[in-house]
Amino acid sequence: MHPDFKTYLLTTTGASKAKEIEMIQSLWSGYGKISRFRLQGASLDTVVIKHISLNRPGGHPRGWNTSFSHRRKVKSYQVETHWYEHWSQDCGEACRIPRFIGSYLEGDDQWIVLEDLNPDFPARKHHLNLPEVKVCLSWLAEFHMRFLNRTPTGLWNIGTYWNLKTRPDEFEQIEHPLLKSKAHAIDELLNRCKFMTIVHGDAKVANFCFSEDGHKVAAVDFQYVGGGCGMKDVAYFLGSCLSGAECTAYENELLDFYFSRLEHSFRKYSFDFLFDELEEEWRKMYPVACTDFIRFISGWMPGHQKINDYNLRMMDSVLGGLT
């Protein structure tokens, strides 16, 4: 452990000793790691530390190791730190995230110290049943309503890791001529919504931590949090945990559930518009959000399993309406 960071960690947590006991995962493209540390003499038994090395690594799993992609990743960690420092306190139990403990920067190294969610949210899942999907949709609905109409100061102006403006290399690789020609029109539809919120930006199932009984979740990984239409998170999340056939079978039920939870959250706030206005706009944006993500995948990994019959039907309907 870096000696200056160790001093910071011990001072911040009040611990007498700190020891890494588990590497939870390495960061994408070799930018660092996430580890669990055991503390002695502190009020917390363990903390999770995200150690980011901001010098440019040598490789990428898909070969996208350009200077542009490096700058995007560096900014993503700066955004995530800002999120935890200045925004995360606005999340409550209904959209639970790890409590921010501290951050430290020295040279090209950055550390984010977070609450260890494992005691309350020990389960990690890859494929979900419908009740589990709905638990995550409840989280998203509360999150989206809590940050509705907030200016994303210090975050990405447009959230999500597949945002067209930040993915020029992948855009150039799209082979579908109509999708490529309409990509900016699709992007504009989503970005000019009347109702904008803060989106998680990478709301895949792997970024949700479940309670042991599966009735509650907390979310992690806020590198691409920023402004946007809430349907971006919903479309991406459903595609991350359900097959194309399941999306076809349960789309109406799950969207109805999401909007019922969104309306439930809406009633807790004082807005000067009717909920129906928001629901009408966002329901129309769901297939557009699906198509926007397929635009990214089509350039990034054309053979990806998420390019399935369900998403292709969505894409064809959206593109047909734009011609």
Protein backbone atom coordinates (compact mmCIF):
# COMPACT_ATOMS: atom_id res chain seq x y z
CA MET A 1 0.00 0.00 0.00
CA HIS A 2 1.23 3.47 -0.86
CA PRO A 3 2.57 4.93 2.42
CA ASP A 4 0.89 8.33 2.06
CA PHE A 5 -2.44 6.73 1.25
CA LYS A 6 -2.03 4.34 4.18
CA THR A 7 -1.60 7.33 6.48
CA TYR A 8 -4.71 8.93 4.97
CA LEU A 9 -6.73 5.72 5.35
CA LEU A 10 -5.80 5.20 8.97
CA THR A 11 -6.48 8.84 9.82
CA THR A 12 -9.81 8.94 7.99
CA THR A 13 -11.17 5.69 9.44
CA GLY A 14 -9.55 5.98 12.87
CA ALA A 15 -7.99 2.56 12.40
CA SER A 16 -4.70 1.48 13.94
CA LYS A 17 -4.03 -1.04 11.17
CA ALA A 18 -5.36 -1.78 7.69
CA LYS A 19 -4.70 -4.91 5.62
CA GLU A 20 -5.87 -5.94 2.16
CA ILE A 21 -7.70 -9.25 2.53
CA GLU A 22 -9.27 -9.70 -0.90
CA MET A 23 -8.99 -8.33 -4.40
CA ILE A 24 -12.60 -8.09 -5.53
CA GLN A 25 -11.84 -7.35 -9.15
CA SER A 26 -9.40 -5.63 -11.46
CA LEU A 27 -10.57 -2.51 -13.26
CA TRP A 28 -11.35 -2.55 -16.98
CA SER A 29 -8.31 -2.31 -19.25
CA GLY A 30 -5.86 -2.56 -16.37
CA TYR A 31 -6.58 0.78 -14.70
CA GLY A 32 -6.30 -0.57 -11.17
CA LYS A 33 -8.29 -2.76 -8.80
CA ILE A 34 -11.02 -2.90 -6.19
CA SER A 35 -10.04 -4.52 -2.90
CA ARG A 36 -11.49 -5.25 0.51
CA PHE A 37 -9.44 -4.11 3.51
CA ARG A 38 -9.80 -5.22 7.10
CA LEU A 39 -9.41 -2.48 9.70
CA GLN A 40 -8.31 -2.75 13.31
CA GLY A 41 -9.33 -0.27 16.00
CA ALA A 42 -11.97 1.43 13.83
CA SER A 43 -15.76 1.54 13.98
CA LEU A 44 -15.81 -0.26 10.62
CA ASP A 45 -14.54 -3.82 10.33
CA THR A 46 -13.92 -3.58 6.57
CA VAL A 47 -13.93 -1.06 3.76
CA VAL A 48 -13.78 -1.36 -0.01
CA ILE A 49 -11.08 0.63 -1.77
CA LYS A 50 -11.03 1.45 -5.46
CA HIS A 51 -7.42 2.13 -6.47
CA ILE A 52 -7.13 3.78 -9.87
CA SER A 53 -3.86 4.23 -11.71
CA LEU A 54 -4.42 7.05 -14.17
CA ASN A 55 -1.28 6.51 -16.23
CA ARG A 56 -2.13 4.96 -19.57
CA PRO A 57 -2.16 1.11 -19.50
CA GLY A 58 -0.86 -0.87 -22.44
CA GLY A 59 -3.89 -2.82 -23.62
CA HIS A 60 -7.64 -3.26 -23.93
CA PRO A 61 -9.65 -6.48 -24.22
CA ARG A 62 -11.17 -5.30 -27.51
CA GLY A 63 -8.24 -3.30 -28.84
CA TRP A 64 -9.79 0.12 -28.14
CA ASN A 65 -6.64 1.45 -26.47
CA THR A 66 -6.57 4.86 -28.15
CA SER A 67 -5.63 8.16 -26.52
CA PHE A 68 -9.28 9.20 -26.85
CA SER A 69 -10.49 6.16 -24.93
CA HIS A 70 -7.80 6.77 -22.30
CA ARG A 71 -8.99 10.34 -21.75
CA ARG A 72 -12.57 9.09 -21.48
CA LYS A 73 -11.62 6.57 -18.80
CA VAL A 74 -9.59 9.13 -16.85
CA LYS A 75 -12.57 11.47 -16.87
CA SER A 76 -14.86 8.62 -15.81
CA TYR A 77 -12.89 8.11 -12.60
CA GLN A 78 -12.85 11.85 -11.94
CA VAL A 79 -16.63 11.89 -12.42
CA GLU A 80 -17.07 8.93 -10.10
CA THR A 81 -15.04 10.62 -7.37
CA HIS A 82 -17.08 13.80 -7.77
CA TRP A 83 -20.29 11.76 -7.61
CA TYR A 84 -19.34 10.19 -4.31
CA GLU A 85 -18.03 13.43 -2.84
CA HIS A 86 -20.88 15.74 -3.87
CA TRP A 87 -23.93 13.75 -4.97
CA SER A 88 -24.07 10.38 -3.24
CA GLN A 89 -25.41 11.81 0.02
CA ASP A 90 -28.69 12.53 -1.79
CA CYS A 91 -29.35 8.83 -2.24
CA GLY A 92 -31.43 7.17 0.45
CA GLU A 93 -32.38 3.63 1.42
CA ALA A 94 -34.71 3.29 -1.58
CA CYS A 95 -31.78 3.74 -3.98
CA ARG A 96 -29.00 2.45 -1.76
CA ILE A 97 -25.34 2.89 -2.69
CA PRO A 98 -22.13 2.45 -0.67
CA ARG A 99 -21.47 5.25 1.79
CA PHE A 100 -18.58 7.47 0.77
CA ILE A 101 -15.78 7.50 3.33
CA GLY A 102 -13.05 9.43 1.55
CA SER A 103 -10.88 9.93 -1.52
CA TYR A 104 -7.18 10.55 -1.96
CA LEU A 105 -5.15 11.64 -4.98
CA GLU A 106 -1.40 11.62 -5.41
CA GLY A 107 0.21 11.91 -8.82
CA ASP A 108 -1.35 9.42 -11.21
CA ASP A 109 -2.85 7.37 -8.38
CA GLN A 110 -6.32 7.84 -7.00
CA TRP A 111 -8.17 5.99 -4.23
CA ILE A 112 -11.87 5.98 -3.34
CA VAL A 113 -12.73 4.56 0.08
CA LEU A 114 -16.26 3.19 0.37
CA GLU A 115 -18.51 1.31 2.74
CA ASP A 116 -18.31 -2.47 2.34
CA LEU A 117 -21.79 -3.53 1.18
CA ASN A 118 -21.22 -7.24 1.80
CA PRO A 119 -22.68 -7.41 5.32
CA ASP A 120 -26.11 -6.25 4.06
CA PHE A 121 -25.89 -7.05 0.34
CA PRO A 122 -23.75 -10.20 -0.05
CA ALA A 123 -25.31 -11.69 -3.21
CA ARG A 124 -24.18 -11.10 -6.79
CA LYS A 125 -26.28 -12.38 -9.69
CA HIS A 126 -25.98 -12.76 -13.46
CA HIS A 127 -29.47 -13.83 -14.51
CA LEU A 128 -32.55 -12.70 -12.63
CA ASN A 129 -36.05 -13.98 -12.08
CA LEU A 130 -38.93 -11.51 -12.45
CA PRO A 131 -39.15 -10.52 -8.76
CA GLU A 132 -35.41 -9.77 -8.75
CA VAL A 133 -35.73 -7.73 -11.96
CA LYS A 134 -38.47 -5.71 -10.30
CA VAL A 135 -36.32 -5.03 -7.23
CA CYS A 136 -33.71 -3.42 -9.50
CA LEU A 137 -36.35 -1.52 -11.47
CA SER A 138 -37.64 -0.14 -8.16
CA TRP A 139 -34.12 1.08 -7.41
CA LEU A 140 -33.87 2.75 -10.82
CA ALA A 141 -37.29 4.37 -10.51
CA GLU A 142 -36.43 5.91 -7.14
CA PHE A 143 -33.02 7.03 -8.41
CA HIS A 144 -34.45 8.63 -11.55
CA MET A 145 -37.19 10.46 -9.69
CA ARG A 146 -34.88 11.62 -6.92
CA PHE A 147 -32.62 13.35 -9.45
CA LEU A 148 -35.25 14.45 -11.96
CA ASN A 149 -34.55 17.86 -13.52
CA ARG A 150 -31.21 18.18 -11.71
CA THR A 151 -28.32 19.74 -13.62
CA PRO A 152 -25.47 17.17 -13.69
CA THR A 153 -22.80 19.54 -12.37
CA GLY A 154 -19.43 17.80 -12.17
CA LEU A 155 -20.83 14.65 -13.79
CA TRP A 156 -21.09 13.69 -17.46
CA ASN A 157 -23.36 16.16 -19.24
CA ILE A 158 -24.77 13.11 -21.01
CA GLY A 159 -24.41 9.94 -18.98
CA THR A 160 -23.88 6.28 -20.08
CA TYR A 161 -20.65 4.73 -21.23
CA TRP A 162 -21.98 4.28 -24.78
CA ASN A 163 -22.79 7.97 -25.36
CA LEU A 164 -22.29 8.70 -29.06
CA LYS A 165 -20.13 11.78 -28.51
CA THR A 166 -17.61 9.79 -26.46
CA ARG A 167 -17.53 6.79 -28.83
CA PRO A 168 -16.29 8.07 -32.23
CA ASP A 169 -14.03 5.06 -32.83
CA GLU A 170 -16.87 2.60 -32.39
CA PHE A 171 -19.20 4.75 -34.49
CA GLU A 172 -16.81 4.54 -37.43
CA GLN A 173 -16.95 0.73 -37.29
CA ILE A 174 -20.75 0.45 -37.69
CA GLU A 175 -21.52 -1.51 -40.86
CA HIS A 176 -25.31 -1.05 -40.86
CA PRO A 177 -25.69 1.97 -43.21
CA LEU A 178 -29.10 3.17 -42.01
CA LEU A 179 -28.23 2.78 -38.33
CA LYS A 180 -25.03 4.73 -38.89
CA SER A 181 -26.75 7.50 -40.84
CA LYS A 182 -29.45 7.89 -38.19
CA ALA A 183 -27.21 7.56 -35.11
CA HIS A 184 -27.07 11.31 -34.47
CA ALA A 185 -30.84 11.67 -34.91
CA ILE A 186 -31.38 8.91 -32.33
CA ASP A 187 -28.93 10.60 -29.97
CA GLU A 188 -30.74 13.91 -30.40
CA LEU A 189 -34.13 12.36 -29.63
CA LEU A 190 -32.85 11.10 -26.30
CA ASN A 191 -30.93 14.23 -25.38
CA ARG A 192 -33.69 16.73 -26.12
CA CYS A 193 -36.27 15.08 -23.86
CA LYS A 194 -38.30 17.54 -21.83
CA PHE A 195 -37.79 15.38 -18.74
CA MET A 196 -34.17 14.59 -17.96
CA THR A 197 -32.69 13.03 -14.88
CA ILE A 198 -29.38 11.63 -13.66
CA VAL A 199 -28.78 8.17 -15.08
CA HIS A 200 -26.50 5.58 -13.51
CA GLY A 201 -24.91 5.05 -16.90
CA ASP A 202 -23.83 1.41 -16.45
CA ALA A 203 -26.87 -0.16 -14.78
CA LYS A 204 -26.10 -3.77 -15.66
CA VAL A 205 -27.02 -6.61 -13.35
CA ALA A 206 -23.37 -7.04 -12.30
CA ASN A 207 -23.46 -3.58 -10.73
CA PHE A 208 -26.31 -4.47 -8.36
CA CYS A 209 -25.61 -6.09 -5.00
CA PHE A 210 -28.50 -8.10 -3.54
CA SER A 211 -29.54 -8.75 0.03
CA GLU A 212 -29.48 -12.41 1.00
CA ASP A 213 -33.25 -12.74 0.56
CA GLY A 214 -33.15 -10.88 -2.79
CA HIS A 215 -35.66 -8.27 -1.66
CA LYS A 216 -33.27 -5.30 -1.61
CA VAL A 217 -30.42 -4.06 -3.79
CA ALA A 218 -27.66 -1.49 -3.73
CA ALA A 219 -25.84 -0.20 -6.81
CA VAL A 220 -22.14 0.40 -7.43
CA ASP A 221 -19.86 1.73 -10.20
CA PHE A 222 -20.72 5.35 -11.00
CA GLN A 223 -18.06 6.11 -13.60
CA TYR A 224 -20.60 7.10 -16.24
CA VAL A 225 -23.25 8.79 -14.13
CA GLY A 226 -24.70 11.90 -15.73
CA GLY A 227 -27.65 13.56 -17.41
CA GLY A 228 -30.10 11.65 -19.53
CA CYS A 229 -33.47 10.05 -20.13
CA GLY A 230 -34.19 7.34 -17.56
CA MET A 231 -35.04 4.86 -20.31
CA LYS A 232 -31.34 4.54 -21.10
CA ASP A 233 -30.79 2.80 -17.76
CA VAL A 234 -33.95 0.71 -18.06
CA ALA A 235 -33.24 -0.53 -21.58
CA TYR A 236 -29.63 -1.35 -20.77
CA PHE A 237 -30.51 -3.07 -17.48
CA LEU A 238 -33.18 -5.33 -18.98
CA GLY A 239 -30.82 -6.35 -21.76
CA SER A 240 -28.13 -7.18 -19.19
CA CYS A 241 -30.18 -9.72 -17.23
CA LEU A 242 -32.81 -11.09 -19.64
CA SER A 243 -32.61 -12.90 -22.95
CA GLY A 244 -34.25 -11.47 -26.06
CA ALA A 245 -37.11 -13.95 -25.70
CA GLU A 246 -37.64 -12.91 -22.06
CA CYS A 247 -37.61 -9.24 -23.01
CA THR A 248 -40.26 -9.96 -25.62
CA ALA A 249 -42.40 -11.90 -23.17
CA TYR A 250 -42.15 -9.53 -20.21
CA GLU A 251 -41.53 -6.08 -21.72
CA ASN A 252 -45.03 -4.73 -21.02
CA GLU A 253 -45.19 -6.13 -17.50
CA LEU A 254 -41.76 -4.79 -16.56
CA LEU A 255 -42.23 -1.35 -18.08
CA ASP A 256 -45.63 -1.07 -16.38
CA PHE A 257 -43.97 -1.99 -13.10
CA TYR A 258 -41.16 0.54 -13.54
CA PHE A 259 -43.62 3.35 -14.27
CA SER A 260 -45.82 2.35 -11.33
CA ARG A 261 -42.78 2.68 -9.04
CA LEU A 262 -41.77 5.92 -10.75
CA GLU A 263 -45.25 7.33 -10.09
CA HIS A 264 -45.05 6.17 -6.47
CA SER A 265 -41.81 8.14 -6.08
CA PHE A 266 -43.28 11.09 -7.98
CA ARG A 267 -45.92 11.57 -5.29
CA LYS A 268 -43.21 12.28 -2.70
CA TYR A 269 -42.04 15.40 -4.53
CA SER A 270 -43.62 18.70 -5.58
CA PHE A 271 -43.41 19.02 -9.35
CA ASP A 272 -45.32 21.51 -11.49
CA PHE A 273 -46.35 18.97 -14.12
CA LEU A 274 -48.50 15.85 -14.33
CA PHE A 275 -46.86 12.44 -14.06
CA ASP A 276 -48.66 11.36 -17.25
CA GLU A 277 -46.56 13.85 -19.21
CA LEU A 278 -43.35 12.21 -18.02
CA GLU A 279 -44.62 8.68 -18.58
CA GLU A 280 -45.83 9.44 -22.09
CA GLU A 281 -42.47 10.88 -23.13
CA TRP A 282 -40.33 8.19 -21.56
CA ARG A 283 -42.40 5.26 -22.84
CA LYS A 284 -41.84 6.57 -26.37
CA MET A 285 -38.11 6.75 -25.65
CA TYR A 286 -37.75 3.10 -24.56
CA PRO A 287 -37.29 1.66 -28.10
CA VAL A 288 -35.09 4.65 -28.95
CA ALA A 289 -32.86 3.89 -25.94
CA CYS A 290 -32.65 0.22 -26.98
CA THR A 291 -31.61 1.31 -30.48
CA ASP A 292 -29.04 3.74 -29.13
CA PHE A 293 -27.31 0.94 -27.25
CA ILE A 294 -27.44 -1.37 -30.28
CA ARG A 295 -25.75 1.44 -32.22
CA PHE A 296 -22.82 1.24 -29.81
CA ILE A 297 -22.65 -2.57 -29.73
CA SER A 298 -22.82 -2.74 -33.52
CA GLY A 299 -19.55 -0.84 -33.73
CA TRP A 300 -17.88 -2.22 -30.60
CA MET A 301 -18.65 -5.94 -30.99
CA PRO A 302 -20.93 -6.74 -33.95
CA GLY A 303 -21.33 -10.40 -32.92
CA HIS A 304 -22.43 -9.61 -29.35
CA GLN A 305 -25.31 -11.70 -27.97
CA LYS A 306 -27.24 -8.53 -27.10
CA ILE A 307 -27.83 -7.99 -30.81
CA ASN A 308 -30.80 -10.36 -30.73
CA ASP A 309 -34.19 -10.56 -32.43
CA TYR A 310 -35.81 -8.42 -29.75
CA ASN A 311 -33.38 -5.52 -30.08
CA LEU A 312 -33.27 -5.80 -33.86
CA ARG A 313 -37.06 -5.45 -33.98
CA MET A 314 -36.75 -2.38 -31.77
CA MET A 315 -34.07 -0.96 -34.02
CA ASP A 316 -36.06 -1.58 -37.21
CA SER A 317 -39.15 0.13 -35.75
CA VAL A 318 -37.17 3.18 -34.67
CA LEU A 319 -35.22 3.46 -37.90
CA GLY A 320 -38.44 3.04 -39.88
CA GLY A 321 -39.93 6.00 -38.06
CA LEU A 322 -36.91 8.17 -38.86
CA THR A 323 -36.83 7.58 -42.62
